[in-house]
């Protein structure tokens, strides 16, 4: 996989990475959280974890027609009412806009608006000439996907047609760009799984399955976390 997308393998420490069968139509991006389920015949398979599931571990590779990357704290100065982000094709509901320093979070539709296709942010109540930080996920255009970063058929399907996928289990230290970009992260914060299979600090989700060991920033946009195995009885 392209080293700038999904999981940073140069820093991650992962020791237990077994194979699991997977639904052939399922899609996910490496760094998302997996849960154990069963197919119609009662055989164990994995799928993307939601907030109601017991997390199994982290997907080691991707299976999707698209690749998703993350920009963290991209500085935007409103020299005009509407400004272009560095990227287009923004993932819906992935945008977080703050003041410089991240102490104030602006509200979409109240303080600003976003054109998700063109990657244009328009100020509403944010003052002219103010600088903000914008964090978001976006679809990586084919022109930026290097050949060595995709599967044998030139789409990011890392199951290679085998119907099997690798999941990082138990204790691990992982650096990923696949996280809830609207959340706020601090060292040692507890991490939970949201309904999209992404790690988050939002307290609205139940089971704690990891903690923050590195906070994403503009210079280092990876969320570092220490993963642990959890039991069904834990909430």
C-alpha atoms as a PDB file:
ATOM      1  CA  UNK A   1       0.000   0.000   0.000  1.00  0.00           C
ATOM      2  CA  UNK A   2       1.125   3.538  -0.687  1.00  0.00           C
ATOM      3  CA  UNK A   3       3.152   4.482   2.426  1.00  0.00           C
ATOM      4  CA  UNK A   4       1.319   7.789   2.895  1.00  0.00           C
ATOM      5  CA  UNK A   5      -2.135   6.177   3.097  1.00  0.00           C
ATOM      6  CA  UNK A   6      -3.775   3.986   5.727  1.00  0.00           C
ATOM      7  CA  UNK A   7      -1.080   2.606   8.054  1.00  0.00           C
ATOM      8  CA  UNK A   8       2.498   3.803   8.525  1.00  0.00           C
ATOM      9  CA  UNK A   9       4.335   0.482   8.587  1.00  0.00           C
ATOM     10  CA  UNK A  10       7.688   2.094   9.343  1.00  0.00           C
ATOM     11  CA  UNK A  11       6.511   3.043  12.854  1.00  0.00           C
ATOM     12  CA  UNK A  12       3.776   0.544  13.653  1.00  0.00           C
ATOM     13  CA  UNK A  13       4.560  -2.417  15.930  1.00  0.00           C
ATOM     14  CA  UNK A  14       2.271  -5.315  15.071  1.00  0.00           C
ATOM     15  CA  UNK A  15       2.988  -8.872  16.135  1.00  0.00           C
ATOM     16  CA  UNK A  16      -0.213 -10.856  15.665  1.00  0.00           C
ATOM     17  CA  UNK A  17      -1.636 -10.613  12.127  1.00  0.00           C
ATOM     18  CA  UNK A  18      -3.761 -13.688  11.321  1.00  0.00           C
ATOM     19  CA  UNK A  19      -5.834 -14.224   8.167  1.00  0.00           C
ATOM     20  CA  UNK A  20      -9.636 -14.265   8.265  1.00  0.00           C
ATOM     21  CA  UNK A  21     -12.276 -15.038   5.670  1.00  0.00           C
ATOM     22  CA  UNK A  22     -14.174 -11.961   4.538  1.00  0.00           C
ATOM     23  CA  UNK A  23     -17.438 -11.192   2.778  1.00  0.00           C
ATOM     24  CA  UNK A  24     -16.430 -10.910  -0.924  1.00  0.00           C
ATOM     25  CA  UNK A  25     -18.485  -7.730  -1.408  1.00  0.00           C
ATOM     26  CA  UNK A  26     -17.212  -5.988   1.745  1.00  0.00           C
ATOM     27  CA  UNK A  27     -15.046  -2.866   1.422  1.00  0.00           C
ATOM     28  CA  UNK A  28     -12.745  -1.123   3.887  1.00  0.00           C
ATOM     29  CA  UNK A  29      -9.575   0.956   4.078  1.00  0.00           C
ATOM     30  CA  UNK A  30      -6.552  -0.260   6.018  1.00  0.00           C
ATOM     31  CA  UNK A  31      -6.539   1.276   9.471  1.00  0.00           C
ATOM     32  CA  UNK A  32     -10.282   0.800   9.925  1.00  0.00           C
ATOM     33  CA  UNK A  33     -11.431  -1.478  12.753  1.00  0.00           C
ATOM     34  CA  UNK A  34     -12.662  -5.032  12.141  1.00  0.00           C
ATOM     35  CA  UNK A  35     -15.133  -7.185  14.049  1.00  0.00           C
ATOM     36  CA  UNK A  36     -15.735 -10.929  13.936  1.00  0.00           C
ATOM     37  CA  UNK A  37     -19.057 -12.103  12.497  1.00  0.00           C
ATOM     38  CA  UNK A  38     -20.437 -15.164  10.689  1.00  0.00           C
ATOM     39  CA  UNK A  39     -21.784 -15.765   7.210  1.00  0.00           C
ATOM     40  CA  UNK A  40     -25.143 -17.329   6.296  1.00  0.00           C
ATOM     41  CA  UNK A  41     -23.666 -20.776   6.854  1.00  0.00           C
ATOM     42  CA  UNK A  42     -22.423 -19.935  10.348  1.00  0.00           C
ATOM     43  CA  UNK A  43     -18.745 -19.704   9.336  1.00  0.00           C
ATOM     44  CA  UNK A  44     -16.576 -16.969  10.909  1.00  0.00           C
ATOM     45  CA  UNK A  45     -15.838 -13.920   8.762  1.00  0.00           C
ATOM     46  CA  UNK A  46     -14.718 -10.369   9.458  1.00  0.00           C
ATOM     47  CA  UNK A  47     -16.390  -7.111   8.503  1.00  0.00           C
ATOM     48  CA  UNK A  48     -16.093  -3.430   9.403  1.00  0.00           C
ATOM     49  CA  UNK A  49     -16.768  -2.833  13.096  1.00  0.00           C
ATOM     50  CA  UNK A  50     -19.515  -0.435  14.216  1.00  0.00           C
ATOM     51  CA  UNK A  51     -20.133   1.110  17.601  1.00  0.00           C
ATOM     52  CA  UNK A  52     -22.364  -1.804  18.661  1.00  0.00           C
ATOM     53  CA  UNK A  53     -19.785  -4.495  17.854  1.00  0.00           C
ATOM     54  CA  UNK A  54     -16.885  -5.998  19.763  1.00  0.00           C
ATOM     55  CA  UNK A  55     -13.665  -4.794  18.082  1.00  0.00           C
ATOM     56  CA  UNK A  56     -11.403  -7.598  16.870  1.00  0.00           C
ATOM     57  CA  UNK A  57      -8.482  -5.537  15.594  1.00  0.00           C
ATOM     58  CA  UNK A  58      -7.288  -3.289  12.770  1.00  0.00           C
ATOM     59  CA  UNK A  59      -7.428  -4.074   9.052  1.00  0.00           C
ATOM     60  CA  UNK A  60      -3.830  -4.403   7.819  1.00  0.00           C
ATOM     61  CA  UNK A  61      -4.650  -3.833   4.138  1.00  0.00           C
ATOM     62  CA  UNK A  62      -7.437  -2.296   2.080  1.00  0.00           C
ATOM     63  CA  UNK A  63     -10.209  -3.607  -0.125  1.00  0.00           C
ATOM     64  CA  UNK A  64     -11.961  -0.727  -1.827  1.00  0.00           C
ATOM     65  CA  UNK A  65     -12.436   0.853  -5.233  1.00  0.00           C
ATOM     66  CA  UNK A  66     -11.191   4.086  -3.674  1.00  0.00           C
ATOM     67  CA  UNK A  67      -8.296   5.156  -1.507  1.00  0.00           C
ATOM     68  CA  UNK A  68      -8.904   7.673   1.258  1.00  0.00           C
ATOM     69  CA  UNK A  69      -6.254   9.968   2.721  1.00  0.00           C
ATOM     70  CA  UNK A  70      -6.336  12.606   5.453  1.00  0.00           C
ATOM     71  CA  UNK A  71      -5.134  16.200   5.722  1.00  0.00           C
ATOM     72  CA  UNK A  72      -4.684  17.504   9.262  1.00  0.00           C
ATOM     73  CA  UNK A  73      -4.727  21.182  10.286  1.00  0.00           C
ATOM     74  CA  UNK A  74      -4.382  22.532   6.760  1.00  0.00           C
ATOM     75  CA  UNK A  75      -4.039  26.332   7.226  1.00  0.00           C
ATOM     76  CA  UNK A  76      -6.520  28.434   5.267  1.00  0.00           C
ATOM     77  CA  UNK A  77      -6.460  32.250   5.355  1.00  0.00           C
ATOM     78  CA  UNK A  78      -9.710  33.816   4.212  1.00  0.00           C
ATOM     79  CA  UNK A  79      -8.293  36.461   1.904  1.00  0.00           C
ATOM     80  CA  UNK A  80     -11.601  36.023   0.056  1.00  0.00           C
ATOM     81  CA  UNK A  81     -15.003  34.686   1.074  1.00  0.00           C
ATOM     82  CA  UNK A  82     -14.363  31.336  -0.648  1.00  0.00           C
ATOM     83  CA  UNK A  83     -11.018  29.508  -0.575  1.00  0.00           C
ATOM     84  CA  UNK A  84      -9.731  26.322  -2.177  1.00  0.00           C
ATOM     85  CA  UNK A  85      -8.524  23.470  -0.008  1.00  0.00           C
ATOM     86  CA  UNK A  86      -5.471  21.560  -1.206  1.00  0.00           C
ATOM     87  CA  UNK A  87      -7.670  18.583  -2.118  1.00  0.00           C
ATOM     88  CA  UNK A  88     -11.077  18.013  -3.710  1.00  0.00           C
ATOM     89  CA  UNK A  89     -13.582  15.139  -3.380  1.00  0.00           C
ATOM     90  CA  UNK A  90     -13.872  15.612   0.360  1.00  0.00           C
ATOM     91  CA  UNK A  91     -15.465  12.756   2.308  1.00  0.00           C
ATOM     92  CA  UNK A  92     -18.853  13.795   3.684  1.00  0.00           C
ATOM     93  CA  UNK A  93     -19.001  14.618   7.403  1.00  0.00           C
ATOM     94  CA  UNK A  94     -15.225  14.419   7.758  1.00  0.00           C
ATOM     95  CA  UNK A  95     -14.435  18.144   7.989  1.00  0.00           C
ATOM     96  CA  UNK A  96     -13.295  19.864  11.187  1.00  0.00           C
ATOM     97  CA  UNK A  97     -12.506  23.584  11.148  1.00  0.00           C
ATOM     98  CA  UNK A  98     -10.845  25.269  14.127  1.00  0.00           C
ATOM     99  CA  UNK A  99      -9.008  28.433  14.994  1.00  0.00           C
ATOM    100  CA  UNK A 100      -5.207  28.287  14.913  1.00  0.00           C
ATOM    101  CA  UNK A 101      -4.309  26.197  17.952  1.00  0.00           C
ATOM    102  CA  UNK A 102      -7.505  24.161  17.810  1.00  0.00           C
ATOM    103  CA  UNK A 103      -9.167  25.718  20.862  1.00  0.00           C
ATOM    104  CA  UNK A 104     -12.336  26.776  18.997  1.00  0.00           C
ATOM    105  CA  UNK A 105     -14.270  24.411  16.707  1.00  0.00           C
ATOM    106  CA  UNK A 106     -16.373  26.131  14.043  1.00  0.00           C
ATOM    107  CA  UNK A 107     -19.738  24.715  12.992  1.00  0.00           C
ATOM    108  CA  UNK A 108     -20.494  23.759   9.397  1.00  0.00           C
ATOM    109  CA  UNK A 109     -23.563  25.561   8.082  1.00  0.00           C
ATOM    110  CA  UNK A 110     -23.225  28.236  10.778  1.00  0.00           C
ATOM    111  CA  UNK A 111     -19.624  29.481  10.586  1.00  0.00           C
ATOM    112  CA  UNK A 112     -18.656  28.096   7.177  1.00  0.00           C
ATOM    113  CA  UNK A 113     -19.860  25.905   4.297  1.00  0.00           C
ATOM    114  CA  UNK A 114     -18.061  23.268   2.221  1.00  0.00           C
ATOM    115  CA  UNK A 115     -18.313  22.248  -1.413  1.00  0.00           C
ATOM    116  CA  UNK A 116     -17.361  18.589  -1.002  1.00  0.00           C
ATOM    117  CA  UNK A 117     -16.804  17.933  -4.711  1.00  0.00           C
ATOM    118  CA  UNK A 118     -14.603  20.918  -5.512  1.00  0.00           C
ATOM    119  CA  UNK A 119     -12.936  21.274  -2.106  1.00  0.00           C
ATOM    120  CA  UNK A 120     -14.013  24.886  -1.562  1.00  0.00           C
ATOM    121  CA  UNK A 121     -14.601  26.325   1.911  1.00  0.00           C
ATOM    122  CA  UNK A 122     -16.709  29.475   2.231  1.00  0.00           C
ATOM    123  CA  UNK A 123     -16.759  31.624   5.349  1.00  0.00           C
ATOM    124  CA  UNK A 124     -20.071  32.641   6.930  1.00  0.00           C
ATOM    125  CA  UNK A 125     -19.268  34.082  10.364  1.00  0.00           C
ATOM    126  CA  UNK A 126     -15.505  33.521  10.286  1.00  0.00           C
ATOM    127  CA  UNK A 127     -13.916  36.969   9.849  1.00  0.00           C
ATOM    128  CA  UNK A 128     -12.295  37.988   6.579  1.00  0.00           C
ATOM    129  CA  UNK A 129      -8.484  37.532   6.698  1.00  0.00           C
ATOM    130  CA  UNK A 130      -8.775  35.111   9.601  1.00  0.00           C
ATOM    131  CA  UNK A 131      -6.683  31.919   9.435  1.00  0.00           C
ATOM    132  CA  UNK A 132      -8.270  28.589  10.317  1.00  0.00           C
ATOM    133  CA  UNK A 133      -7.100  24.973  10.465  1.00  0.00           C
ATOM    134  CA  UNK A 134      -9.051  22.480   8.352  1.00  0.00           C
ATOM    135  CA  UNK A 135      -8.882  18.716   8.899  1.00  0.00           C
ATOM    136  CA  UNK A 136     -10.630  16.332   6.487  1.00  0.00           C
ATOM    137  CA  UNK A 137     -10.530  13.027   4.640  1.00  0.00           C
ATOM    138  CA  UNK A 138     -10.557  12.966   0.827  1.00  0.00           C
ATOM    139  CA  UNK A 139     -10.619  10.525  -2.065  1.00  0.00           C
ATOM    140  CA  UNK A 140      -7.177  10.084  -3.604  1.00  0.00           C
ATOM    141  CA  UNK A 141      -7.318  10.717  -7.380  1.00  0.00           C
ATOM    142  CA  UNK A 142      -5.987   7.925  -9.622  1.00  0.00           C
ATOM    143  CA  UNK A 143      -3.176  10.206 -10.795  1.00  0.00           C
ATOM    144  CA  UNK A 144      -1.720  10.169  -7.269  1.00  0.00           C
ATOM    145  CA  UNK A 145      -1.940   6.418  -6.713  1.00  0.00           C
ATOM    146  CA  UNK A 146       1.404   4.812  -7.388  1.00  0.00           C
ATOM    147  CA  UNK A 147       1.344   1.386  -9.006  1.00  0.00           C
ATOM    148  CA  UNK A 148       3.120  -0.335  -6.127  1.00  0.00           C
ATOM    149  CA  UNK A 149       0.387   0.895  -3.804  1.00  0.00           C
ATOM    150  CA  UNK A 150      -2.467  -1.117  -5.292  1.00  0.00           C
ATOM    151  CA  UNK A 151      -3.397  -4.744  -5.876  1.00  0.00           C
ATOM    152  CA  UNK A 152      -2.671  -7.016  -8.812  1.00  0.00           C
ATOM    153  CA  UNK A 153      -5.623  -5.663 -10.813  1.00  0.00           C
ATOM    154  CA  UNK A 154      -4.674  -2.029 -10.187  1.00  0.00           C
ATOM    155  CA  UNK A 155      -7.449  -1.362  -7.719  1.00  0.00           C
ATOM    156  CA  UNK A 156      -6.756  -1.343  -3.983  1.00  0.00           C
ATOM    157  CA  UNK A 157      -8.108  -4.849  -3.349  1.00  0.00           C
ATOM    158  CA  UNK A 158      -5.483  -6.393  -1.127  1.00  0.00           C
ATOM    159  CA  UNK A 159      -7.327  -9.698  -0.680  1.00  0.00           C
ATOM    160  CA  UNK A 160      -5.958 -10.542  -4.153  1.00  0.00           C
ATOM    161  CA  UNK A 161      -9.100 -12.516  -4.903  1.00  0.00           C
ATOM    162  CA  UNK A 162      -8.469 -15.073  -2.152  1.00  0.00           C
ATOM    163  CA  UNK A 163     -11.356 -14.037   0.072  1.00  0.00           C
ATOM    164  CA  UNK A 164      -8.949 -13.695   3.012  1.00  0.00           C
ATOM    165  CA  UNK A 165      -7.771 -10.586   4.837  1.00  0.00           C
ATOM    166  CA  UNK A 166      -5.158  -9.806   7.496  1.00  0.00           C
ATOM    167  CA  UNK A 167      -6.269  -8.254  10.792  1.00  0.00           C
ATOM    168  CA  UNK A 168      -3.905  -6.840  13.444  1.00  0.00           C
ATOM    169  CA  UNK A 169      -4.995  -8.422  16.729  1.00  0.00           C
ATOM    170  CA  UNK A 170      -4.238  -7.991  20.441  1.00  0.00           C
ATOM    171  CA  UNK A 171      -1.569  -5.557  21.648  1.00  0.00           C
ATOM    172  CA  UNK A 172      -0.093  -3.358  18.939  1.00  0.00           C
ATOM    173  CA  UNK A 173       1.110   0.192  18.377  1.00  0.00           C
ATOM    174  CA  UNK A 174      -0.303   1.505  15.115  1.00  0.00           C
ATOM    175  CA  UNK A 175      -0.025   4.785  13.220  1.00  0.00           C
ATOM    176  CA  UNK A 176      -2.960   5.446  10.904  1.00  0.00           C
ATOM    177  CA  UNK A 177      -4.662   8.181   8.894  1.00  0.00           C
ATOM    178  CA  UNK A 178      -8.024   6.434   9.085  1.00  0.00           C
ATOM    179  CA  UNK A 179      -9.591   8.046  12.143  1.00  0.00           C
ATOM    180  CA  UNK A 180     -12.525  10.275  13.024  1.00  0.00           C
ATOM    181  CA  UNK A 181     -11.275  13.634  11.738  1.00  0.00           C
ATOM    182  CA  UNK A 182     -13.995  15.566  13.570  1.00  0.00           C
ATOM    183  CA  UNK A 183     -12.801  14.421  16.998  1.00  0.00           C
ATOM    184  CA  UNK A 184     -10.176  16.049  19.254  1.00  0.00           C
ATOM    185  CA  UNK A 185      -7.175  13.944  20.320  1.00  0.00           C
ATOM    186  CA  UNK A 186      -4.819  14.235  23.261  1.00  0.00           C
ATOM    187  CA  UNK A 187      -2.107  11.912  24.562  1.00  0.00           C
ATOM    188  CA  UNK A 188      -3.511   8.959  26.528  1.00  0.00           C
ATOM    189  CA  UNK A 189      -7.110   9.672  25.457  1.00  0.00           C
ATOM    190  CA  UNK A 190      -9.284   6.561  25.359  1.00  0.00           C
ATOM    191  CA  UNK A 191     -10.317   5.496  21.854  1.00  0.00           C
ATOM    192  CA  UNK A 192     -13.591   3.918  20.817  1.00  0.00           C
ATOM    193  CA  UNK A 193     -15.051   2.799  17.469  1.00  0.00           C
ATOM    194  CA  UNK A 194     -17.729   4.875  15.729  1.00  0.00           C
ATOM    195  CA  UNK A 195     -20.401   3.654  13.307  1.00  0.00           C
ATOM    196  CA  UNK A 196     -18.005   4.013  10.336  1.00  0.00           C
ATOM    197  CA  UNK A 197     -15.386   1.665  11.784  1.00  0.00           C
ATOM    198  CA  UNK A 198     -13.077   4.559  12.681  1.00  0.00           C
ATOM    199  CA  UNK A 199     -11.344   5.234  15.982  1.00  0.00           C
ATOM    200  CA  UNK A 200     -12.651   8.284  17.839  1.00  0.00           C
ATOM    201  CA  UNK A 201     -12.493   9.987  21.226  1.00  0.00           C
ATOM    202  CA  UNK A 202     -16.245  10.703  21.180  1.00  0.00           C
ATOM    203  CA  UNK A 203     -17.803   9.521  24.438  1.00  0.00           C
ATOM    204  CA  UNK A 204     -21.088   8.610  22.714  1.00  0.00           C
ATOM    205  CA  UNK A 205     -19.567   5.234  21.806  1.00  0.00           C
ATOM    206  CA  UNK A 206     -19.087   2.503  24.375  1.00  0.00           C
ATOM    207  CA  UNK A 207     -16.158   0.091  24.397  1.00  0.00           C
ATOM    208  CA  UNK A 208     -12.625   1.410  24.846  1.00  0.00           C
ATOM    209  CA  UNK A 209     -10.201  -0.545  22.652  1.00  0.00           C
ATOM    210  CA  UNK A 210      -7.115   1.693  22.390  1.00  0.00           C
ATOM    211  CA  UNK A 211      -5.412   4.833  23.663  1.00  0.00           C
ATOM    212  CA  UNK A 212      -3.686   7.734  21.936  1.00  0.00           C
ATOM    213  CA  UNK A 213       0.113   7.613  21.873  1.00  0.00           C
ATOM    214  CA  UNK A 214       0.670  10.257  19.149  1.00  0.00           C
ATOM    215  CA  UNK A 215      -1.614  13.178  18.286  1.00  0.00           C
ATOM    216  CA  UNK A 216      -2.174  13.929  14.570  1.00  0.00           C
ATOM    217  CA  UNK A 217      -0.864  17.315  13.405  1.00  0.00           C
ATOM    218  CA  UNK A 218      -0.054  19.161  10.194  1.00  0.00           C
ATOM    219  CA  UNK A 219       3.577  18.014  10.332  1.00  0.00           C
ATOM    220  CA  UNK A 220       2.707  14.446  11.380  1.00  0.00           C
ATOM    221  CA  UNK A 221      -0.870  13.634  10.287  1.00  0.00           C
ATOM    222  CA  UNK A 222      -0.904  10.099  11.695  1.00  0.00           C
ATOM    223  CA  UNK A 223      -2.924   9.085  14.748  1.00  0.00           C
ATOM    224  CA  UNK A 224      -0.719   6.836  16.856  1.00  0.00           C
ATOM    225  CA  UNK A 225      -2.571   4.451  19.135  1.00  0.00           C
ATOM    226  CA  UNK A 226      -1.927   1.494  21.366  1.00  0.00           C
ATOM    227  CA  UNK A 227      -4.447  -1.233  20.647  1.00  0.00           C
ATOM    228  CA  UNK A 228      -5.501  -3.840  23.173  1.00  0.00           C
ATOM    229  CA  UNK A 229      -7.735  -6.893  23.093  1.00  0.00           C
ATOM    230  CA  UNK A 230     -11.064  -6.467  24.885  1.00  0.00           C
ATOM    231  CA  UNK A 231     -13.518  -8.994  26.276  1.00  0.00           C
ATOM    232  CA  UNK A 232     -17.244  -9.198  25.472  1.00  0.00           C
ATOM    233  CA  UNK A 233     -18.013  -8.330  29.105  1.00  0.00           C
ATOM    234  CA  UNK A 234     -16.147  -5.010  28.921  1.00  0.00           C
ATOM    235  CA  UNK A 235     -18.083  -1.797  28.262  1.00  0.00           C
END
